[in-house]
Amino acid sequence: MAHPKRKTSKTRRDKRRTHIKAEVPTIATCSNCGATHLYHRVCPECGYYKGQLAVEKEVKA
């Protein structure tokens, strides 16, 4: 197995890791109720997806 001849500097190590970072998730607004949700997901508030009812939600009394 190969071994490095010299220590990798902090700058060189960090340059390699520049693309590794957290990204902000894309958020959409529901066309039915106006709540925010992740793209390509059913709205957690009303259960609609692309203007059609996808999941029946229970009404809280």
Protein backbone atom coordinates (compact mmCIF):
# COMPACT_ATOMS: atom_id res chain seq x y z
CA MET A 1 0.00 0.00 0.00
CA ALA A 2 1.30 3.44 -0.93
CA HIS A 3 2.19 6.00 1.75
CA PRO A 4 2.40 9.78 1.32
CA LYS A 5 5.93 11.20 1.16
CA ARG A 6 4.90 14.52 2.70
CA LYS A 7 2.19 15.80 5.01
CA THR A 8 -0.80 17.29 3.18
CA SER A 9 -1.12 20.94 4.17
CA LYS A 10 -4.31 22.34 5.66
CA THR A 11 -4.80 24.58 2.63
CA ARG A 12 -4.50 21.71 0.15
CA ARG A 13 -6.82 19.52 2.25
CA ASP A 14 -9.42 22.28 2.55
CA LYS A 15 -9.28 23.08 -1.19
CA ARG A 16 -10.26 19.49 -1.88
CA ARG A 17 -13.23 19.74 0.49
CA THR A 18 -14.70 23.04 -0.79
CA HIS A 19 -17.64 21.35 -2.51
CA ILE A 20 -18.61 19.39 0.62
CA LYS A 21 -21.12 21.65 2.38
CA ALA A 22 -24.74 21.72 3.44
CA GLU A 23 -27.23 23.02 0.88
CA VAL A 24 -30.45 24.87 1.56
CA PRO A 25 -33.42 22.68 0.58
CA THR A 26 -35.70 23.98 -2.16
CA ILE A 27 -39.09 24.89 -0.73
CA ALA A 28 -42.37 25.24 -2.61
CA THR A 29 -45.70 26.70 -1.54
CA CYS A 30 -48.82 24.57 -1.68
CA SER A 31 -51.31 25.73 -4.30
CA ASN A 32 -54.22 24.52 -2.14
CA CYS A 33 -53.49 25.87 1.36
CA GLY A 34 -50.40 28.05 0.91
CA ALA A 35 -48.18 26.13 3.36
CA THR A 36 -44.52 25.54 2.55
CA HIS A 37 -43.25 22.04 1.75
CA LEU A 38 -40.34 20.34 -0.01
CA TYR A 39 -40.50 19.96 -3.81
CA HIS A 40 -41.97 16.68 -5.14
CA ARG A 41 -43.57 15.89 -1.76
CA VAL A 42 -47.15 15.84 -0.56
CA CYS A 43 -48.14 18.89 1.47
CA PRO A 44 -48.01 17.90 5.16
CA GLU A 45 -50.79 20.35 6.06
CA CYS A 46 -53.57 19.44 3.62
CA GLY A 47 -52.35 16.28 1.83
CA TYR A 48 -52.51 17.71 -1.70
CA TYR A 49 -49.89 17.17 -4.43
CA LYS A 50 -50.00 19.07 -7.74
CA GLY A 51 -53.56 20.24 -7.05
CA GLN A 52 -54.95 16.76 -6.39
CA LEU A 53 -55.77 15.09 -3.09
CA ALA A 54 -53.07 12.49 -2.44
CA VAL A 55 -53.47 11.70 1.27
CA GLU A 56 -56.59 11.95 3.40
CA LYS A 57 -55.90 14.07 6.47
CA GLU A 58 -57.88 13.73 9.72
CA VAL A 59 -59.80 16.77 10.90
CA LYS A 60 -58.78 17.73 14.45
CA ALA A 61 -61.64 18.77 16.67
